[in-house]
Each structure stands twice: as structure tokens, then as C-alpha cells.
Amino acid sequence: MITVRNIDVRVGARLLLSDVSFHVTPGDRVALVGRNGAGKTTLMRTLAGELRPVGGSIQATGPVGYLAQDPRGADQDQTVSGRVLAARGLDRVTAELRAAELAMSEAGSDAERDRAMRAYARAQDEFDALGGYAAEAVAAQVTSGVGLPDRVLTQRLGELSGGQRRRVELARLLFAEQDTLLLDEPTNHLDADSVAWLRDFLKGFPGGLMMISHDTDLVAAVANRVFHVDAERLVLDVYNTGWRRYRTDREAAERRRARERANAERKAAALRAQAEKMRSHVATAVAARNMARRADTMLRELEPVRRAERVARVRLPVPAPCGRVPLAAAGLAKAYGEHHVFDGIDLAVDRGSRVVVLGLNGAGKTTLLRVLAGELTPDRGHVVRGHGLRLGYFAQEHETLAPTSTVFEALSSAAPELTHGEVRQVLGAFLFRGDDVDKPTGVLSGGEKTRLALACLVHSGANVLLLDEPTNNLDPLSRDEVLGAVSDYPGAIVMVTHDRGAVEALRPDRVLILPDGDEDLWNDEYADLVSLA
């Protein structure tokens, strides 16, 4: 259970939420909603203990598990199975069992064999106390549920794609038996089957749950409470209803606030008019001042009416002139250790062409884009940079954004020809205004990082865009803006996405299917593979 009392939440000098209080108890399944940049991720990190509230208190009863949008910090040499089992301490005990078995088989004397047998017995007792083979079966069920095949379980984390690492962290958290779960965009990188499994898991979860998700189908199926972050009013509106009822209740609340403000403005205007008439007479001057003050107080105490939500005006670069084939690849192969990601990939990206890359998680989609972008060196084959190529790369995990650089510095570095005022103008179009431009990129939410990464492309003159999941973490209005920009872009695009709407906006002429590297002309039969890829 989590109890929040009168907290204030800030990022730098900016106050995001003021005097917020609520409870999350067992059985609560809370959807935390609001526009990108409103403060959802910051509030979630505060509940998880990564950030401290400016005022108020947060009390957690029982263990709390947190899935961040960009989970990092795990030992990259650890295996997938070890990472998941570590959530209950089973990785260490399993290693002790294997070590004791080896010691017994190699014992050179009865004394050594006895010591090894005692070590094995101790490890076996601890293994049984932690759930033993039943717990291992649950771990296997969870990893399978989130779409991690058996062949991946023995791989090191450093050999996995970004989507696979995200699934590992989700599996680890769900296996850990926490009392309360905090999930930030849990369906990112999941295919349709994994999303369906996760939906059923969360519906049956007996503890407290709070999740940020732009997957409205998931929210509608799982949530029984909705918390709306209102960035204009600096408040958290609590709706003790499901998703559909929340939308109706919120619209009704906005209409009520609008009526109350209209009535109060009429009364305040009448008071001011009467005060103006009375002001010139000595006998009524004091009453006139009191009337005017009462009118001002009446308006101050009103809740503000929600203004129309701002939307980023997303633009993509005007492509510079280039040759007929600005980017090509021949015989690309890449492996991590003994795991071969892909082999023999050939690709020609013609001027203005549109290619969608499909494949299961771990098939090498992100790896291929990183090789094409020059971020990775292939084991075999080569990338051919054609005449006039200007490459723009949108990374799935936003690795191109230095976490210690400010928003302003990130764009200034990407577009050094812009003046100070022009940088601010571009950032303003992408909803970074005022003090927001001084925030380090490392504290931005996933949606804000997406907007900043796109802003950095605007003045690049890129004529080939490599886009890796460009709609992840975006609220519906921002997503529509990005898809409109993709649809209108006249240059070449190579896109990796699980978003069927993004493929519709791309209108691909070709499809590349990994890991085999099969290339074909696009047809609508491939559309069913998008959400599965």
C-alpha cells in the first residue's frame, strides 16, 4: 500500500503538482493519465523513491516494484534467466547448488565430499524456502508470457535488443511478488500476444497497481481508478471509476467548472459595477472598496477552466538533394557472442523510398538500424553511403541524447547554425518553453525525449531517416502529429515499429523481414505482422 499526503512535486524550479494526497491499496488498479510532460513519470519516480517530494510525505507498506520507461543498471554479463530469478534470490542459491554438485563430483577425499554434501544440503534448504522448483516454473511462465523464448534465457543481457531487455525487466518485476507495482508504459516493445497475457496478469494481480500507459485498450480493461495529472491546475484529479466512466465524469467536471466561473464572473461584474457607482460618495466609499475586494476574492477562489491542450507542431527535415541510391548495404552480418542476430542482409534505400522492417523481438531490427546509422560495426558486409547522403537517426532508447546535456544544448549541438532565438523557437514548437529548455535530458519523460529527438532532426537536412519506434511513449495528440509528419515527409524512411498506425502513415513500398533478410514489395497481407513483430 502507498499513502501520499500533501506532497509537492517539482522538476528544477518548475512546480508540477501541489498539495497532492491519495492512497493506493490492494485491489486498486490505477491508471495515471495526462499529456506528455505533465509530470506522470516524475510522480511515478517520486513514489518509487528515486526522487524526493518538495513537501509532504509518502509512506509505503510492503515492497514496491517499479518498471521505469528506460530500465538501466543491470549487469550486462548476467543471463536473462539469472536476472529474472534474482528477483527472489534464486539465482544465487541455484549457483550454490551447481557449485556444490561440481564439488561433490570432483572431491578427492571423504572430507571434501562431506563438506560439499553439507553445502549442497544448506543450498537445497534455502532453495526450497524460496519456492524451489515451483518458483522456477512460475519464472518460466512469466518469461514466456512477456514473449521471451527459451533460447533467449541463457543469453547475456548485453546481447539483447532494447525491446528484449525491456521484457526481461518486466518479467523480473512480475516474478518478484511485490505488494505494489508501479509500471511506466509496460506494453512498450510487446507484441499483441504478450500484451494480452499482461492484461490478464494485471487484472488478476491482488496487490496495488499504478500504471502509465497510452494503450487505451489496456487501460480500459485493467484500471478501476483513474488519476489525471492536470498540468494547468497543478493538481491530481482522482476518479474512483474505470476508464470509460472517467472520461464522462471528467467532461462533466469541466462543464461544471465552466458554469461556476461564468456565474462568478457575472456576479463579480455586478459587484464591481455597483462599487463603481458607490465609490464617489464618502458615505459608501468603504463599502465600495469591500465590494471590489469581494469580487476579486470570488474569482481567485475559482478553479481554473481547462484550456485547450497544447500540441507539438512536429516537423521533419526538408531533405537535401542526393543521388538515386543514398544508402545501401551488402552482406551485413552481426552476432553477439555465439548468438547470430542476422547474416547476409542486402538493402538498397532509393531516394524517397519507404521501407518497414519487421521481425520478432530479438530478430535484429534495432541492431540493423544501428549498423546503418554507423553506431555499430558489422561483423561482415558493409554499408554504402551514396552521393549526398544526410542521415537522420531516431534511436529507440534515445541513446543519441546525452543525459547530462540540457534540452537547449541538445538542439544547439544538433543544429549549430541556429541562433539562440531560433533554438528557442524550434523548442517552443515542440512544447519546450521557459525553464523547460534548461532541464537535463536525463530527467525527461519518454514522450519528452521523443519530442526532443525529433526536434533535433528538423534542421539536419536529412534525406534518409532511420526511425526506431518513433511513436513510443507519446500521448494520442502528439502521436497524431508525428504520424502526420511521417506521412508528409518526402525523403526516404526506414522504420521499425509495432504501431500499425505508424505503418499506415508511412505507406511503405517495401518490407524487410528479419532475421532472414527477405525483402518484398509491401502489400496489406503484411499488415497483420506489424503488431506481432
Protein backbone atom coordinates (compact mmCIF):
# COMPACT_ATOMS: atom_id res chain seq x y z
CA MET A 1 0.00 0.00 0.00
CA ILE A 2 1.14 3.56 -0.70
CA THR A 3 -0.17 6.58 1.22
CA VAL A 4 0.59 10.05 -0.15
CA ARG A 5 -0.09 13.12 2.00
CA ASN A 6 0.07 16.71 0.74
CA ILE A 7 3.14 16.32 -1.48
CA ASP A 8 4.53 18.93 -3.85
CA VAL A 9 6.42 17.66 -6.89
CA ARG A 10 8.98 19.77 -8.75
CA VAL A 11 11.45 19.40 -11.57
CA GLY A 12 14.08 22.07 -11.05
CA ALA A 13 12.26 25.33 -10.46
CA ARG A 14 9.05 24.14 -12.11
CA LEU A 15 6.20 23.07 -9.82
CA LEU A 16 4.40 20.12 -11.41
CA LEU A 17 1.92 19.15 -8.69
CA SER A 18 0.83 20.88 -5.50
CA ASP A 19 -0.71 19.50 -2.28
CA VAL A 20 -1.45 16.03 -3.69
CA SER A 21 -2.92 13.28 -1.48
CA PHE A 22 -4.17 9.76 -2.29
CA HIS A 23 -3.99 6.08 -1.34
CA VAL A 24 -3.20 3.01 -3.43
CA THR A 25 -4.45 -0.08 -1.60
CA PRO A 26 -4.56 -3.81 -2.50
CA GLY A 27 -7.01 -4.31 -5.35
CA ASP A 28 -6.60 -0.76 -6.68
CA ARG A 29 -5.58 -0.73 -10.34
CA VAL A 30 -4.83 2.92 -11.06
CA ALA A 31 -4.26 4.42 -14.49
CA LEU A 32 -2.13 7.58 -14.25
CA VAL A 33 -3.00 9.69 -17.29
CA GLY A 34 -2.26 13.13 -18.72
CA ARG A 35 -0.34 14.80 -21.53
CA ASN A 36 3.37 14.19 -22.19
CA GLY A 37 5.39 16.41 -19.87
CA ALA A 38 2.55 16.89 -17.36
CA GLY A 39 4.55 15.11 -14.65
CA LYS A 40 3.33 11.49 -14.72
CA THR A 41 6.78 9.88 -14.87
CA THR A 42 8.16 12.33 -12.30
CA LEU A 43 5.33 11.45 -9.90
CA MET A 44 5.93 7.74 -10.50
CA ARG A 45 9.66 8.10 -9.81
CA THR A 46 8.80 10.01 -6.64
CA LEU A 47 6.51 7.20 -5.46
CA ALA A 48 9.29 4.69 -6.24
CA GLY A 49 11.75 6.64 -4.06
CA GLU A 50 14.03 7.75 -6.91
CA LEU A 51 13.06 11.39 -6.33
CA ARG A 52 12.04 13.23 -3.17
CA PRO A 53 8.92 15.36 -2.92
CA VAL A 54 9.48 19.01 -2.04
CA GLY A 55 6.88 18.82 0.70
CA GLY A 56 4.53 16.28 2.28
CA SER A 57 5.13 12.58 2.87
CA ILE A 58 4.96 9.22 1.10
CA GLN A 59 4.59 6.01 3.11
CA ALA A 60 4.85 2.57 1.52
CA THR A 61 3.73 -0.59 3.31
CA GLY A 62 5.34 -3.71 1.88
CA PRO A 63 7.73 -3.99 -1.08
CA VAL A 64 7.16 -1.76 -4.12
CA GLY A 65 8.32 -2.73 -7.61
CA TYR A 66 8.99 -0.07 -10.26
CA LEU A 67 9.30 -0.55 -14.01
CA ALA A 68 10.91 2.56 -15.47
CA GLN A 69 10.41 3.64 -19.07
CA ASP A 70 14.12 3.20 -19.66
CA PRO A 71 15.35 0.49 -17.25
CA ARG A 72 19.13 0.53 -16.91
CA GLY A 73 21.79 -0.54 -14.46
CA ALA A 74 21.61 -4.33 -14.74
CA ASP A 75 24.85 -6.29 -15.08
CA GLN A 76 25.16 -6.80 -18.85
CA ASP A 77 27.07 -10.07 -18.30
CA GLN A 78 24.17 -11.58 -16.34
CA THR A 79 21.99 -14.11 -18.14
CA VAL A 80 18.31 -13.48 -18.76
CA SER A 81 17.32 -16.39 -16.52
CA GLY A 82 19.66 -15.19 -13.77
CA ARG A 83 18.27 -11.65 -13.95
CA VAL A 84 14.69 -12.85 -13.53
CA LEU A 85 15.44 -15.41 -10.81
CA ALA A 86 17.46 -12.79 -8.90
CA ALA A 87 14.20 -11.04 -8.06
CA ARG A 88 13.64 -13.74 -5.40
CA GLY A 89 17.29 -14.57 -4.72
CA LEU A 90 17.05 -17.85 -6.62
CA ASP A 91 19.96 -17.06 -8.94
CA ARG A 92 22.44 -17.09 -6.07
CA VAL A 93 21.04 -20.27 -4.50
CA THR A 94 20.93 -22.06 -7.85
CA ALA A 95 24.58 -21.13 -8.44
CA GLU A 96 25.47 -22.52 -4.98
CA LEU A 97 23.67 -25.78 -5.82
CA ARG A 98 25.58 -26.14 -9.08
CA ALA A 99 28.87 -25.34 -7.33
CA ALA A 100 28.18 -27.93 -4.61
CA GLU A 101 27.30 -30.55 -7.26
CA LEU A 102 30.58 -29.85 -9.04
CA ALA A 103 32.49 -30.03 -5.76
CA MET A 104 30.93 -33.42 -4.94
CA SER A 105 31.84 -34.82 -8.35
CA GLU A 106 35.43 -33.62 -8.08
CA ALA A 107 36.00 -34.40 -4.37
CA GLY A 108 39.36 -36.10 -3.80
CA SER A 109 38.63 -37.30 -0.27
CA ASP A 110 35.76 -38.23 2.04
CA ALA A 111 36.22 -34.97 3.97
CA GLU A 112 35.92 -32.88 0.83
CA ARG A 113 32.87 -34.89 -0.24
CA ASP A 114 31.23 -34.37 3.17
CA ARG A 115 31.83 -30.61 3.04
CA ALA A 116 30.35 -30.45 -0.46
CA MET A 117 27.32 -32.51 0.62
CA ARG A 118 26.70 -30.22 3.61
CA ALA A 119 26.97 -27.15 1.32
CA TYR A 120 24.53 -28.79 -1.08
CA ALA A 121 22.06 -29.54 1.75
CA ARG A 122 22.22 -25.94 3.00
CA ALA A 123 21.65 -24.58 -0.52
CA GLN A 124 18.82 -27.07 -1.11
CA ASP A 125 17.07 -25.99 2.11
CA GLU A 126 17.32 -22.34 1.10
CA PHE A 127 16.18 -23.18 -2.44
CA ASP A 128 13.08 -24.92 -1.03
CA ALA A 129 12.38 -22.00 1.33
CA LEU A 130 12.40 -19.59 -1.64
CA GLY A 131 9.84 -21.63 -3.54
CA GLY A 132 12.13 -24.12 -5.23
CA TYR A 133 11.09 -25.73 -8.46
CA ALA A 134 7.59 -24.25 -8.27
CA ALA A 135 9.13 -20.76 -8.31
CA GLU A 136 11.30 -21.70 -11.28
CA ALA A 137 8.13 -22.85 -13.07
CA VAL A 138 6.47 -19.51 -12.33
CA ALA A 139 9.54 -17.68 -13.69
CA ALA A 140 9.33 -19.74 -16.89
CA GLN A 141 5.63 -18.93 -17.18
CA VAL A 142 6.25 -15.20 -16.77
CA THR A 143 9.16 -15.04 -19.23
CA SER A 144 7.11 -16.93 -21.78
CA GLY A 145 4.14 -14.64 -21.14
CA VAL A 146 6.09 -11.48 -21.95
CA GLY A 147 7.44 -13.05 -25.14
CA LEU A 148 10.93 -14.25 -24.16
CA PRO A 149 11.58 -17.58 -25.91
CA ASP A 150 13.56 -20.35 -24.20
CA ARG A 151 16.58 -19.78 -26.46
CA VAL A 152 16.99 -16.26 -25.03
CA LEU A 153 17.07 -17.32 -21.36
CA THR A 154 20.72 -18.36 -21.46
CA GLN A 155 21.89 -15.23 -23.31
CA ARG A 156 23.66 -12.35 -21.59
CA LEU A 157 21.71 -9.11 -21.20
CA GLY A 158 24.34 -7.27 -23.24
CA GLU A 159 23.49 -9.45 -26.25
CA LEU A 160 19.80 -8.49 -26.27
CA SER A 161 17.92 -5.83 -28.18
CA GLY A 162 16.38 -2.88 -26.35
CA GLY A 163 12.94 -4.47 -26.64
CA GLN A 164 14.16 -7.77 -25.19
CA ARG A 165 15.88 -6.04 -22.24
CA ARG A 166 12.64 -4.20 -21.53
CA ARG A 167 10.78 -7.54 -21.48
CA VAL A 168 13.37 -9.02 -19.11
CA GLU A 169 12.86 -6.17 -16.62
CA LEU A 170 9.08 -6.55 -16.86
CA ALA A 171 9.34 -10.32 -16.29
CA ARG A 172 11.68 -9.78 -13.33
CA LEU A 173 9.27 -7.34 -11.73
CA LEU A 174 6.20 -9.53 -12.21
CA PHE A 175 8.08 -12.55 -10.81
CA ALA A 176 9.28 -10.66 -7.72
CA GLU A 177 5.94 -10.90 -5.82
CA GLN A 178 5.82 -7.22 -4.86
CA ASP A 179 2.88 -5.83 -2.87
CA THR A 180 2.59 -2.78 -5.13
CA LEU A 181 3.58 -2.37 -8.79
CA LEU A 182 4.44 0.93 -10.48
CA LEU A 183 4.58 0.41 -14.25
CA ASP A 184 5.61 3.13 -16.70
CA GLU A 185 4.50 2.19 -20.24
CA PRO A 186 4.58 -1.58 -19.61
CA THR A 187 3.42 -2.50 -23.15
CA ASN A 188 6.35 -0.81 -24.93
CA HIS A 189 8.04 -3.38 -27.20
CA LEU A 190 5.43 -6.07 -26.50
CA ASP A 191 3.72 -7.91 -29.32
CA ALA A 192 -0.05 -8.50 -29.38
CA ASP A 193 0.10 -11.89 -27.63
CA SER A 194 2.30 -10.53 -24.83
CA VAL A 195 0.01 -7.53 -24.33
CA ALA A 196 -2.97 -9.90 -23.99
CA TRP A 197 -1.05 -12.01 -21.43
CA LEU A 198 -0.02 -8.92 -19.47
CA ARG A 199 -3.60 -7.62 -19.46
CA ASP A 200 -4.86 -10.86 -17.88
CA PHE A 201 -1.98 -10.89 -15.38
CA LEU A 202 -2.67 -7.33 -14.20
CA LYS A 203 -6.43 -7.92 -13.98
CA GLY A 204 -5.73 -10.76 -11.56
CA PHE A 205 -2.95 -9.03 -9.59
CA PRO A 206 -4.07 -8.93 -5.92
CA GLY A 207 -1.84 -6.04 -4.79
CA GLY A 208 -1.89 -2.34 -5.58
CA LEU A 209 -1.10 -1.22 -9.12
CA MET A 210 -0.40 2.14 -10.73
CA MET A 211 0.46 2.32 -14.41
CA ILE A 212 1.19 4.94 -17.03
CA SER A 213 0.08 3.76 -20.45
CA HIS A 214 -1.08 5.29 -23.71
CA ASP A 215 -2.58 1.91 -24.64
CA THR A 216 -6.22 2.81 -24.05
CA ASP A 217 -7.38 -0.78 -24.61
CA LEU A 218 -5.15 -1.95 -21.76
CA VAL A 219 -6.29 0.89 -19.50
CA ALA A 220 -9.97 0.22 -20.26
CA ALA A 221 -9.56 -3.50 -19.49
CA VAL A 222 -7.47 -3.20 -16.30
CA ALA A 223 -7.98 0.11 -14.48
CA ASN A 224 -10.67 0.54 -11.82
CA ARG A 225 -9.44 4.02 -10.80
CA VAL A 226 -8.02 6.88 -12.89
CA PHE A 227 -5.72 9.66 -11.67
CA HIS A 228 -5.48 12.57 -14.11
CA VAL A 229 -2.46 14.90 -13.91
CA ASP A 230 -3.64 18.41 -14.79
CA ALA A 231 -0.56 20.46 -15.66
CA GLU A 232 -2.54 23.70 -15.90
CA ARG A 233 -4.08 23.45 -12.41
CA LEU A 234 -1.09 21.65 -10.78
CA VAL A 235 -3.45 19.08 -9.30
CA LEU A 236 -4.12 15.36 -9.45
CA ASP A 237 -7.80 14.67 -10.09
CA VAL A 238 -8.86 11.31 -8.61
CA TYR A 239 -11.65 9.36 -10.30
CA ASN A 240 -12.74 6.21 -8.47
CA THR A 241 -14.11 4.70 -11.68
CA GLY A 242 -12.94 2.80 -14.71
CA TRP A 243 -11.68 4.35 -17.92
CA ARG A 244 -14.97 4.90 -19.76
CA ARG A 245 -16.77 6.40 -16.75
CA TYR A 246 -13.71 8.57 -16.03
CA ARG A 247 -13.92 10.20 -19.44
CA THR A 248 -17.60 11.02 -18.90
CA ASP A 249 -17.02 12.30 -15.35
CA ARG A 250 -14.05 14.44 -16.38
CA GLU A 251 -16.01 16.13 -19.15
CA ALA A 252 -18.86 16.75 -16.68
CA ALA A 253 -16.41 18.27 -14.16
CA GLU A 254 -15.04 20.61 -16.82
CA ARG A 255 -18.55 21.73 -17.76
CA ARG A 256 -19.32 22.34 -14.07
CA ARG A 257 -16.18 24.44 -13.62
CA ALA A 258 -17.03 26.45 -16.72
CA ARG A 259 -20.56 27.14 -15.41
CA GLU A 260 -19.26 28.13 -11.97
CA ARG A 261 -16.73 30.50 -13.49
CA ALA A 262 -19.33 32.09 -15.77
CA ASN A 263 -21.71 32.62 -12.83
CA ALA A 264 -18.95 34.00 -10.62
CA GLU A 265 -17.78 36.37 -13.37
CA ARG A 266 -21.32 37.70 -13.76
CA LYS A 267 -21.65 38.25 -10.01
CA ALA A 268 -18.18 39.83 -9.81
CA ALA A 269 -19.03 42.16 -12.69
CA ALA A 270 -22.27 43.21 -10.95
CA LEU A 271 -20.39 43.86 -7.69
CA ARG A 272 -17.74 45.96 -9.47
CA ALA A 273 -20.42 47.96 -11.29
CA GLN A 274 -22.22 48.65 -8.02
CA ALA A 275 -18.93 49.52 -6.30
CA GLU A 276 -18.11 51.98 -9.08
CA LYS A 277 -21.42 53.77 -8.51
CA MET A 278 -20.84 53.95 -4.75
CA ARG A 279 -17.16 54.93 -4.92
CA SER A 280 -17.78 58.67 -5.43
CA HIS A 281 -19.82 59.10 -2.23
CA VAL A 282 -17.93 59.45 1.05
CA ALA A 283 -20.59 57.57 2.99
CA THR A 284 -20.37 54.49 0.73
CA ALA A 285 -16.71 54.57 -0.32
CA VAL A 286 -15.64 51.94 2.26
CA ALA A 287 -18.48 49.61 1.22
CA ALA A 288 -17.48 50.10 -2.42
CA ARG A 289 -13.89 49.02 -1.71
CA ASN A 290 -15.15 45.96 0.19
CA MET A 291 -17.37 45.04 -2.76
CA ALA A 292 -14.45 45.27 -5.18
CA ARG A 293 -12.27 43.12 -2.90
CA ARG A 294 -15.06 40.54 -2.59
CA ALA A 295 -15.32 40.39 -6.39
CA ASP A 296 -11.56 39.79 -6.69
CA THR A 297 -11.64 37.07 -3.99
CA MET A 298 -14.57 35.36 -5.68
CA LEU A 299 -12.59 34.96 -8.91
CA ARG A 300 -9.34 33.96 -7.20
CA GLU A 301 -11.01 31.09 -5.34
CA LEU A 302 -12.43 29.57 -8.50
CA GLU A 303 -10.79 26.50 -10.05
CA PRO A 304 -9.41 27.46 -13.46
CA VAL A 305 -11.21 26.13 -16.52
CA ARG A 306 -9.06 23.74 -18.53
CA ARG A 307 -7.54 25.41 -21.54
CA ALA A 308 -7.20 23.66 -24.86
CA GLU A 309 -4.26 21.27 -24.61
CA ARG A 310 -1.13 22.35 -26.42
CA VAL A 311 0.11 20.09 -29.18
CA ALA A 312 3.66 19.94 -30.50
CA ARG A 313 3.90 21.18 -34.09
CA VAL A 314 6.05 18.29 -35.30
CA ARG A 315 8.06 18.83 -38.46
CA LEU A 316 10.62 16.62 -40.17
CA PRO A 317 13.60 17.99 -42.12
CA VAL A 318 13.48 19.33 -45.64
CA PRO A 319 15.67 16.70 -47.33
CA ALA A 320 18.87 17.84 -49.02
CA PRO A 321 19.43 16.76 -52.65
CA CYS A 322 21.03 13.34 -53.04
CA GLY A 323 21.77 10.61 -55.56
CA ARG A 324 19.36 7.94 -56.72
CA VAL A 325 20.51 5.45 -54.01
CA PRO A 326 21.70 7.46 -51.00
CA LEU A 327 22.05 4.44 -48.70
CA ALA A 328 22.70 0.75 -49.33
CA ALA A 329 24.00 -2.32 -47.50
CA ALA A 330 25.61 -5.51 -48.81
CA GLY A 331 26.03 -8.83 -46.99
CA LEU A 332 25.59 -7.42 -43.46
CA ALA A 333 26.12 -9.88 -40.61
CA LYS A 334 26.10 -9.27 -36.88
CA ALA A 335 26.48 -11.57 -33.88
CA TYR A 336 26.76 -11.11 -30.11
CA GLY A 337 28.99 -13.88 -28.82
CA GLU A 338 27.58 -17.17 -30.08
CA HIS A 339 24.20 -15.62 -30.89
CA HIS A 340 23.91 -14.72 -34.57
CA VAL A 341 21.49 -11.83 -34.97
CA PHE A 342 21.34 -11.75 -38.76
CA ASP A 343 23.50 -12.74 -41.72
CA GLY A 344 23.63 -11.73 -45.38
CA ILE A 345 21.37 -8.67 -45.28
CA ASP A 346 21.21 -6.72 -48.55
CA LEU A 347 19.29 -3.46 -48.80
CA ALA A 348 19.07 -0.52 -51.21
CA VAL A 349 17.31 2.59 -49.96
CA ASP A 350 16.34 4.60 -53.03
CA ARG A 351 15.71 8.34 -52.92
CA GLY A 352 12.28 8.90 -51.37
CA SER A 353 11.62 5.18 -50.76
CA ARG A 354 9.78 3.91 -47.69
CA VAL A 355 10.82 0.63 -46.06
CA VAL A 356 9.32 -1.02 -42.97
CA VAL A 357 11.44 -3.59 -41.09
CA LEU A 358 9.50 -6.41 -39.41
CA GLY A 359 10.57 -9.31 -37.22
CA LEU A 360 10.08 -10.74 -33.73
CA ASN A 361 11.83 -9.12 -30.77
CA GLY A 362 15.48 -10.15 -30.97
CA ALA A 363 15.41 -10.60 -34.74
CA GLY A 364 17.85 -7.70 -35.12
CA LYS A 365 15.66 -4.76 -36.18
CA THR A 366 17.27 -2.21 -33.86
CA THR A 367 20.72 -3.70 -34.49
CA LEU A 368 20.25 -3.28 -38.24
CA LEU A 369 19.28 0.39 -37.86
CA ARG A 370 22.29 0.99 -35.62
CA VAL A 371 24.58 -0.59 -38.21
CA LEU A 372 23.04 1.53 -40.98
CA ALA A 373 23.46 4.62 -38.80
CA GLY A 374 27.14 3.88 -38.14
CA GLU A 375 26.55 3.29 -34.42
CA LEU A 376 27.63 -0.37 -34.72
CA THR A 377 30.24 -2.07 -36.91
CA PRO A 378 29.01 -5.18 -38.76
CA ASP A 379 30.94 -8.42 -38.40
CA ARG A 380 30.77 -8.88 -42.16
CA GLY A 381 29.50 -6.87 -45.10
CA HIS A 382 29.46 -3.11 -45.44
CA VAL A 383 27.21 -0.04 -45.58
CA VAL A 384 27.43 2.09 -48.73
CA ARG A 385 26.86 5.81 -48.26
CA GLY A 386 25.68 7.21 -51.58
CA HIS A 387 26.14 10.66 -53.12
CA GLY A 388 24.75 13.47 -50.96
CA LEU A 389 23.57 11.21 -48.12
CA ARG A 390 22.45 13.01 -44.98
CA LEU A 391 21.33 10.53 -42.38
CA GLY A 392 18.91 11.19 -39.54
CA TYR A 393 18.70 8.53 -36.82
CA PHE A 394 15.91 8.32 -34.23
CA ALA A 395 17.05 5.77 -31.63
CA GLN A 396 14.55 3.60 -29.78
CA GLU A 397 16.23 4.19 -26.39
CA HIS A 398 17.26 7.79 -27.24
CA GLU A 399 20.95 6.95 -26.89
CA THR A 400 21.76 9.92 -29.11
CA LEU A 401 20.70 12.32 -26.32
CA ALA A 402 23.46 12.92 -23.76
CA PRO A 403 21.72 12.66 -20.35
CA THR A 404 23.78 15.48 -18.80
CA SER A 405 23.12 17.95 -21.65
CA THR A 406 20.22 20.35 -21.30
CA VAL A 407 17.36 20.43 -23.78
CA PHE A 408 18.76 23.68 -25.20
CA GLU A 409 22.29 22.24 -25.52
CA ALA A 410 21.00 19.10 -27.25
CA LEU A 411 19.33 21.06 -30.04
CA SER A 412 22.18 23.61 -30.27
CA SER A 413 24.64 20.74 -30.78
CA ALA A 414 22.43 19.08 -33.41
CA ALA A 415 21.84 22.36 -35.27
CA PRO A 416 24.86 24.65 -34.60
CA GLU A 417 23.82 27.05 -37.37
CA LEU A 418 20.76 28.19 -35.39
CA THR A 419 20.88 31.38 -33.31
CA HIS A 420 19.90 31.40 -29.64
CA GLY A 421 16.46 32.74 -30.52
CA GLU A 422 15.95 30.23 -33.32
CA VAL A 423 16.79 27.33 -30.98
CA ARG A 424 14.17 28.56 -28.54
CA GLN A 425 11.67 28.96 -31.36
CA VAL A 426 12.13 25.37 -32.55
CA LEU A 427 11.96 24.04 -28.98
CA GLY A 428 8.80 26.05 -28.34
CA ALA A 429 7.14 24.39 -31.32
CA PHE A 430 7.92 21.04 -29.67
CA LEU A 431 6.44 22.27 -26.34
CA PHE A 432 9.73 23.06 -24.55
CA ARG A 433 9.17 26.55 -23.20
CA GLY A 434 10.55 28.74 -20.44
CA ASP A 435 12.63 26.82 -17.90
CA ASP A 436 11.97 23.53 -19.72
CA VAL A 437 14.86 24.27 -22.08
CA ASP A 438 17.29 24.16 -19.14
CA LYS A 439 16.28 20.68 -17.95
CA PRO A 440 18.88 17.90 -18.38
CA THR A 441 17.70 15.40 -20.97
CA GLY A 442 18.23 12.60 -18.44
CA VAL A 443 15.21 13.74 -16.39
CA LEU A 444 12.81 13.96 -19.34
CA SER A 445 9.91 11.57 -19.68
CA GLY A 446 9.85 9.15 -22.59
CA GLY A 447 7.40 11.34 -24.51
CA GLU A 448 9.54 14.44 -23.94
CA LYS A 449 12.67 12.60 -25.14
CA THR A 450 10.77 11.58 -28.26
CA ARG A 451 9.79 15.18 -28.98
CA LEU A 452 13.35 16.43 -28.37
CA ALA A 453 14.89 13.74 -30.59
CA LEU A 454 12.50 14.73 -33.38
CA ALA A 455 13.30 18.43 -32.83
CA CYS A 456 16.99 17.62 -33.29
CA LEU A 457 16.20 16.23 -36.75
CA VAL A 458 14.33 19.32 -38.00
CA HIS A 459 17.34 21.28 -39.28
CA SER A 460 19.52 18.28 -40.16
CA GLY A 461 18.64 18.31 -43.87
CA ALA A 462 18.42 14.51 -43.58
CA ASN A 463 17.30 12.80 -46.78
CA VAL A 464 17.21 9.31 -45.21
CA LEU A 465 15.53 8.84 -41.82
CA LEU A 466 16.09 5.72 -39.70
CA LEU A 467 13.16 5.67 -37.27
CA ASP A 468 13.11 3.10 -34.45
CA GLU A 469 9.70 3.03 -32.71
CA PRO A 470 9.02 6.78 -33.19
CA THR A 471 5.57 6.68 -31.53
CA ASN A 472 6.59 5.02 -28.25
CA ASN A 473 5.58 6.96 -25.10
CA LEU A 474 3.51 9.55 -26.98
CA ASP A 475 0.05 10.70 -25.92
CA PRO A 476 -2.62 10.40 -28.64
CA LEU A 477 -2.43 14.04 -29.82
CA SER A 478 1.38 14.02 -30.05
CA ARG A 479 1.29 10.65 -31.82
CA ASP A 480 -1.10 12.05 -34.44
CA GLU A 481 1.31 14.94 -35.04
CA VAL A 482 4.27 12.59 -35.52
CA LEU A 483 2.32 10.35 -37.89
CA GLY A 484 1.22 13.36 -39.91
CA ALA A 485 4.84 14.48 -40.23
CA VAL A 486 5.92 10.97 -41.31
CA SER A 487 3.16 10.88 -43.90
CA ASP A 488 4.21 14.24 -45.40
CA TYR A 489 8.00 13.69 -45.37
CA PRO A 490 9.31 13.49 -48.98
CA GLY A 491 12.66 11.84 -48.17
CA ALA A 492 13.44 8.15 -47.66
CA ILE A 493 12.44 6.39 -44.43
CA VAL A 494 13.47 3.05 -42.95
CA MET A 495 11.16 2.37 -39.98
CA VAL A 496 10.95 -0.19 -37.19
CA THR A 497 7.61 -0.14 -35.36
CA HIS A 498 4.96 -2.20 -33.55
CA ASP A 499 2.42 0.55 -34.27
CA ARG A 500 0.06 -0.35 -37.09
CA GLY A 501 -0.98 3.30 -37.39
CA ALA A 502 2.66 4.28 -37.97
CA VAL A 503 2.88 1.82 -40.87
CA GLU A 504 -0.34 3.24 -42.35
CA ALA A 505 1.16 6.76 -42.15
CA LEU A 506 4.43 5.54 -43.69
CA ARG A 507 2.68 3.93 -46.68
CA PRO A 508 5.66 1.59 -47.26
CA ASP A 509 6.62 0.45 -50.72
CA ARG A 510 8.84 -2.38 -49.42
CA VAL A 511 9.16 -4.65 -46.39
CA LEU A 512 12.31 -6.27 -44.99
CA ILE A 513 11.70 -9.26 -42.71
CA LEU A 514 14.39 -10.22 -40.20
CA PRO A 515 16.37 -12.24 -39.29
CA ASP A 516 16.32 -13.95 -42.72
CA GLY A 517 16.55 -10.66 -44.62
CA ASP A 518 13.72 -11.47 -47.01
CA GLU A 519 12.68 -8.36 -48.96
CA ASP A 520 9.37 -7.95 -50.73
CA LEU A 521 7.07 -5.32 -52.15
CA TRP A 522 4.62 -4.19 -49.47
CA ASN A 523 1.08 -5.50 -49.55
CA ASP A 524 -1.71 -5.42 -46.99
CA GLU A 525 -1.16 -9.05 -46.03
CA TYR A 526 1.96 -7.91 -44.16
CA ALA A 527 -0.10 -5.51 -42.01
CA ASP A 528 -1.15 -8.37 -39.71
CA LEU A 529 2.52 -8.97 -38.87
CA VAL A 530 3.09 -5.46 -37.53
CA SER A 531 1.59 -5.89 -34.03
CA LEU A 532 3.16 -9.37 -33.82
CA ALA A 533 6.66 -8.20 -34.76
